[in-house]
C-alpha atoms as a PDB file:
ATOM      1  CA  MET A   1     136.861  90.678 113.286  1.00  0.00           C
ATOM      2  CA  THR A   2     137.452  90.069 109.622  1.00  0.00           C
ATOM      3  CA  VAL A   3     137.969  93.131 107.368  1.00  0.00           C
ATOM      4  CA  LYS A   4     136.541  92.755 103.759  1.00  0.00           C
ATOM      5  CA  ALA A   5     137.480  94.849 100.766  1.00  0.00           C
ATOM      6  CA  ARG A   6     136.777  94.647  97.050  1.00  0.00           C
ATOM      7  CA  THR A   7     138.056  96.480  94.156  1.00  0.00           C
ATOM      8  CA  GLN A   8     138.060  96.245  90.408  1.00  0.00           C
ATOM      9  CA  ARG A   9     139.593  97.966  87.357  1.00  0.00           C
ATOM     10  CA  SER A  10     139.062  98.009  83.592  1.00  0.00           C
ATOM     11  CA  ILE A  11     142.205  97.168  81.615  1.00  0.00           C
ATOM     12  CA  ASN A  12     142.934  97.889  77.992  1.00  0.00           C
ATOM     13  CA  ALA A  13     144.329  94.486  77.329  1.00  0.00           C
ATOM     14  CA  PRO A  14     142.772  91.138  76.517  1.00  0.00           C
ATOM     15  CA  LYS A  15     141.761  88.768  79.385  1.00  0.00           C
ATOM     16  CA  GLN A  16     144.476  86.192  78.388  1.00  0.00           C
ATOM     17  CA  VAL A  17     147.211  88.738  78.791  1.00  0.00           C
ATOM     18  CA  VAL A  18     146.045  89.758  82.201  1.00  0.00           C
ATOM     19  CA  TRP A  19     145.697  86.163  83.279  1.00  0.00           C
ATOM     20  CA  GLU A  20     149.091  85.249  81.998  1.00  0.00           C
ATOM     21  CA  ILE A  21     150.479  87.964  84.447  1.00  0.00           C
ATOM     22  CA  LEU A  22     148.468  86.874  87.402  1.00  0.00           C
ATOM     23  CA  ASP A  23     149.034  83.135  86.699  1.00  0.00           C
ATOM     24  CA  ASP A  24     152.892  83.635  86.771  1.00  0.00           C
ATOM     25  CA  PHE A  25     152.451  83.306  90.567  1.00  0.00           C
ATOM     26  CA  PRO A  26     156.065  83.692  91.751  1.00  0.00           C
ATOM     27  CA  ALA A  27     156.685  86.649  89.610  1.00  0.00           C
ATOM     28  CA  ILE A  28     154.787  89.311  91.177  1.00  0.00           C
ATOM     29  CA  ALA A  29     157.747  91.316  92.142  1.00  0.00           C
ATOM     30  CA  GLY A  30     158.350  91.780  88.376  1.00  0.00           C
ATOM     31  CA  TRP A  31     155.298  94.188  88.148  1.00  0.00           C
ATOM     32  CA  SER A  32     154.297  95.201  91.710  1.00  0.00           C
ATOM     33  CA  ALA A  33     156.413  97.981  93.273  1.00  0.00           C
ATOM     34  CA  GLY A  34     155.297  96.830  96.801  1.00  0.00           C
ATOM     35  CA  VAL A  35     157.010  93.494  96.387  1.00  0.00           C
ATOM     36  CA  GLN A  36     160.878  93.727  96.348  1.00  0.00           C
ATOM     37  CA  LYS A  37     161.385  90.068  95.878  1.00  0.00           C
ATOM     38  CA  SER A  38     159.121  86.962  95.222  1.00  0.00           C
ATOM     39  CA  TYR A  39     159.820  83.382  94.661  1.00  0.00           C
ATOM     40  CA  THR A  40     158.446  79.905  94.750  1.00  0.00           C
ATOM     41  CA  THR A  41     158.609  77.981  98.095  1.00  0.00           C
ATOM     42  CA  GLY A  42     157.222  74.766  99.530  1.00  0.00           C
ATOM     43  CA  ASP A  43     157.704  71.118  98.793  1.00  0.00           C
ATOM     44  CA  THR A  44     156.311  71.420  95.273  1.00  0.00           C
ATOM     45  CA  GLU A  45     157.752  72.715  92.035  1.00  0.00           C
ATOM     46  CA  ASN A  46     154.343  74.015  91.019  1.00  0.00           C
ATOM     47  CA  THR A  47     154.458  77.654  90.017  1.00  0.00           C
ATOM     48  CA  THR A  48     150.596  77.904  89.729  1.00  0.00           C
ATOM     49  CA  GLY A  49     147.514  76.060  90.451  1.00  0.00           C
ATOM     50  CA  ILE A  50     146.205  74.671  93.770  1.00  0.00           C
ATOM     51  CA  GLY A  51     149.026  74.195  96.341  1.00  0.00           C
ATOM     52  CA  ALA A  52     151.574  76.525  94.672  1.00  0.00           C
ATOM     53  CA  GLU A  53     153.353  78.674  97.223  1.00  0.00           C
ATOM     54  CA  ARG A  54     155.381  81.881  97.083  1.00  0.00           C
ATOM     55  CA  ARG A  55     157.170  84.186  99.521  1.00  0.00           C
ATOM     56  CA  CYS A  56     156.875  87.889  98.928  1.00  0.00           C
ATOM     57  CA  GLU A  57     159.478  90.125 100.544  1.00  0.00           C
ATOM     58  CA  LEU A  58     158.103  93.572 100.949  1.00  0.00           C
ATOM     59  CA  GLY A  59     161.294  95.304 102.230  1.00  0.00           C
ATOM     60  CA  GLY A  60     162.725  95.598 105.649  1.00  0.00           C
ATOM     61  CA  LYS A  61     161.556  92.598 107.736  1.00  0.00           C
ATOM     62  CA  LYS A  62     158.038  92.384 106.134  1.00  0.00           C
ATOM     63  CA  LEU A  63     157.088  89.319 104.245  1.00  0.00           C
ATOM     64  CA  LEU A  64     154.146  87.203 103.321  1.00  0.00           C
ATOM     65  CA  ASP A  65     153.971  83.417 102.615  1.00  0.00           C
ATOM     66  CA  GLU A  66     151.186  82.606 100.264  1.00  0.00           C
ATOM     67  CA  ARG A  67     149.521  79.506  98.884  1.00  0.00           C
ATOM     68  CA  ILE A  68     146.974  79.129  96.138  1.00  0.00           C
ATOM     69  CA  ALA A  69     143.789  77.531  97.739  1.00  0.00           C
ATOM     70  CA  ALA A  70     141.385  77.662  94.920  1.00  0.00           C
ATOM     71  CA  TYR A  71     142.038  78.035  91.169  1.00  0.00           C
ATOM     72  CA  THR A  72     139.936  78.263  88.086  1.00  0.00           C
ATOM     73  CA  GLU A  73     142.133  78.291  84.991  1.00  0.00           C
ATOM     74  CA  GLY A  74     141.947  81.605  83.132  1.00  0.00           C
ATOM     75  CA  GLU A  75     139.441  83.125  85.534  1.00  0.00           C
ATOM     76  CA  SER A  76     140.433  83.407  89.190  1.00  0.00           C
ATOM     77  CA  MET A  77     142.676  82.205  92.050  1.00  0.00           C
ATOM     78  CA  THR A  78     142.305  82.539  95.765  1.00  0.00           C
ATOM     79  CA  ILE A  79     145.402  83.023  97.753  1.00  0.00           C
ATOM     80  CA  ASP A  80     145.838  82.208 101.463  1.00  0.00           C
ATOM     81  CA  VAL A  81     148.442  84.320 103.279  1.00  0.00           C
ATOM     82  CA  TRP A  82     149.394  81.803 106.014  1.00  0.00           C
ATOM     83  CA  ASN A  83     152.559  83.443 107.432  1.00  0.00           C
ATOM     84  CA  VAL A  84     152.903  87.020 108.019  1.00  0.00           C
ATOM     85  CA  GLU A  85     156.077  88.871 109.444  1.00  0.00           C
ATOM     86  CA  GLY A  86     156.415  92.561 110.107  1.00  0.00           C
ATOM     87  CA  LEU A  87     152.975  93.565 109.388  1.00  0.00           C
ATOM     88  CA  PRO A  88     149.840  93.923 111.606  1.00  0.00           C
ATOM     89  CA  LEU A  89     148.019  90.994 109.809  1.00  0.00           C
ATOM     90  CA  LYS A  90     147.316  87.608 111.132  1.00  0.00           C
ATOM     91  CA  SER A  91     146.058  86.081 107.832  1.00  0.00           C
ATOM     92  CA  SER A  92     144.030  86.807 104.743  1.00  0.00           C
ATOM     93  CA  LYS A  93     142.325  85.195 101.836  1.00  0.00           C
ATOM     94  CA  THR A  94     142.480  87.130  98.632  1.00  0.00           C
ATOM     95  CA  THR A  95     140.807  86.280  95.352  1.00  0.00           C
ATOM     96  CA  PHE A  96     142.239  87.741  92.096  1.00  0.00           C
ATOM     97  CA  GLY A  97     140.136  87.347  88.972  1.00  0.00           C
ATOM     98  CA  VAL A  98     139.633  88.645  85.481  1.00  0.00           C
ATOM     99  CA  ARG A  99     136.877  88.615  82.978  1.00  0.00           C
ATOM    100  CA  ALA A 100     136.763  89.787  79.265  1.00  0.00           C
ATOM    101  CA  THR A 101     134.710  92.898  78.497  1.00  0.00           C
ATOM    102  CA  GLY A 102     135.623  92.911  74.851  1.00  0.00           C
ATOM    103  CA  ASP A 103     138.172  91.477  72.456  1.00  0.00           C
ATOM    104  CA  ASP A 104     140.881  93.667  73.661  1.00  0.00           C
ATOM    105  CA  THR A 105     139.670  94.811  77.081  1.00  0.00           C
ATOM    106  CA  SER A 106     139.090  93.091  80.435  1.00  0.00           C
ATOM    107  CA  GLU A 107     138.150  93.846  84.056  1.00  0.00           C
ATOM    108  CA  ALA A 108     140.299  92.538  86.871  1.00  0.00           C
ATOM    109  CA  PHE A 109     139.095  92.452  90.551  1.00  0.00           C
ATOM    110  CA  ILE A 110     140.448  91.638  93.984  1.00  0.00           C
ATOM    111  CA  GLU A 111     138.407  90.608  96.888  1.00  0.00           C
ATOM    112  CA  ALA A 112     139.891  90.107 100.343  1.00  0.00           C
ATOM    113  CA  GLU A 113     139.189  88.999 103.787  1.00  0.00           C
ATOM    114  CA  ALA A 114     141.868  89.952 106.307  1.00  0.00           C
ATOM    115  CA  GLU A 115     142.265  89.245 109.941  1.00  0.00           C
ATOM    116  CA  PRO A 116     144.396  92.019 111.415  1.00  0.00           C
ATOM    117  CA  LYS A 117     146.524  91.631 114.634  1.00  0.00           C
ATOM    118  CA  ILE A 118     144.919  94.421 116.276  1.00  0.00           C
ATOM    119  CA  PRO A 119     142.924  93.930 119.589  1.00  0.00           C
ATOM    120  CA  GLY A 120     139.053  93.570 119.212  1.00  0.00           C
ATOM    121  CA  VAL A 121     137.968  96.841 120.666  1.00  0.00           C
ATOM    122  CA  ILE A 122     140.529  98.845 118.633  1.00  0.00           C
ATOM    123  CA  GLN A 123     139.749  96.779 115.429  1.00  0.00           C
ATOM    124  CA  LYS A 124     136.040  97.589 115.717  1.00  0.00           C
ATOM    125  CA  LEU A 125     136.802 101.347 115.965  1.00  0.00           C
ATOM    126  CA  MET A 126     139.226 101.135 113.076  1.00  0.00           C
ATOM    127  CA  HIS A 127     137.315  98.670 110.873  1.00  0.00           C
ATOM    128  CA  PRO A 128     136.144 101.258 108.292  1.00  0.00           C
ATOM    129  CA  ILE A 129     139.734 102.918 108.128  1.00  0.00           C
ATOM    130  CA  LEU A 130     141.268  99.344 107.688  1.00  0.00           C
ATOM    131  CA  ALA A 131     138.808  98.431 104.927  1.00  0.00           C
ATOM    132  CA  LYS A 132     139.445 101.691 103.156  1.00  0.00           C
ATOM    133  CA  SER A 133     143.106 101.175 103.345  1.00  0.00           C
ATOM    134  CA  ILE A 134     143.111  97.715 102.047  1.00  0.00           C
ATOM    135  CA  ALA A 135     140.912  98.670  99.107  1.00  0.00           C
ATOM    136  CA  LYS A 136     143.171 101.565  98.364  1.00  0.00           C
ATOM    137  CA  ASN A 137     146.323  99.215  98.403  1.00  0.00           C
ATOM    138  CA  PHE A 138     144.527  96.798  96.146  1.00  0.00           C
ATOM    139  CA  SER A 139     143.364  99.596  93.708  1.00  0.00           C
ATOM    140  CA  GLY A 140     147.138 100.444  93.383  1.00  0.00           C
ATOM    141  CA  LEU A 141     148.019  96.822  92.811  1.00  0.00           C
ATOM    142  CA  LEU A 142     145.346  96.619  90.005  1.00  0.00           C
ATOM    143  CA  ASP A 143     146.858  99.857  88.513  1.00  0.00           C
ATOM    144  CA  GLU A 144     150.224  98.158  88.359  1.00  0.00           C
ATOM    145  CA  LEU A 145     148.628  95.004  86.815  1.00  0.00           C
ATOM    146  CA  ALA A 146     146.937  97.114  84.248  1.00  0.00           C
ATOM    147  CA  ALA A 147     150.114  98.997  83.496  1.00  0.00           C
ATOM    148  CA  GLU A 148     151.993  95.618  82.959  1.00  0.00           C
ATOM    149  CA  ALA A 149     149.217  94.198  80.804  1.00  0.00           C
ATOM    150  CA  GLU A 150     148.756  97.285  78.692  1.00  0.00           C
ATOM    151  CA  GLY A 151     152.559  97.494  78.056  1.00  0.00           C
ATOM    152  CA  ARG A 152     152.793  93.948  76.806  1.00  0.00           C
ATOM    153  CA  PRO A 153     152.520  93.276  72.991  1.00  0.00           C
ATOM    154  CA  GLN A 154     149.083  92.398  72.103  1.00  0.00           C
END
């Protein structure tokens, strides 16, 4: 059973500033406290756009291998998590996006569909808790994105 979550946040920074942070795909560890180390992987040198890959080391033996599966320059990217270690997750598809709400303001969002590594019956019972937990984690990630964007020179 797929768990879906969506969250959004207003940011006091122009859309372009927010997008530059998101678009620097391998550099998420520079602004997200939950990622201890991140770097480009795969056969390509691409650091953004469809096919770009990164590994996110989350601490301990927890890691995610991710690949950009869909990409609209300056607007959104969809990331497939295709290898997970140390977390109760099989896979996920997450879309990060940003839109302008004014000259110096924007709104970022995260939409996710995750497939947990939890047996079906238990997953059904825990579905609302899992969805709420994922949304809370993504809300924190958007807070970190906002702090990074708002701290950059405009």
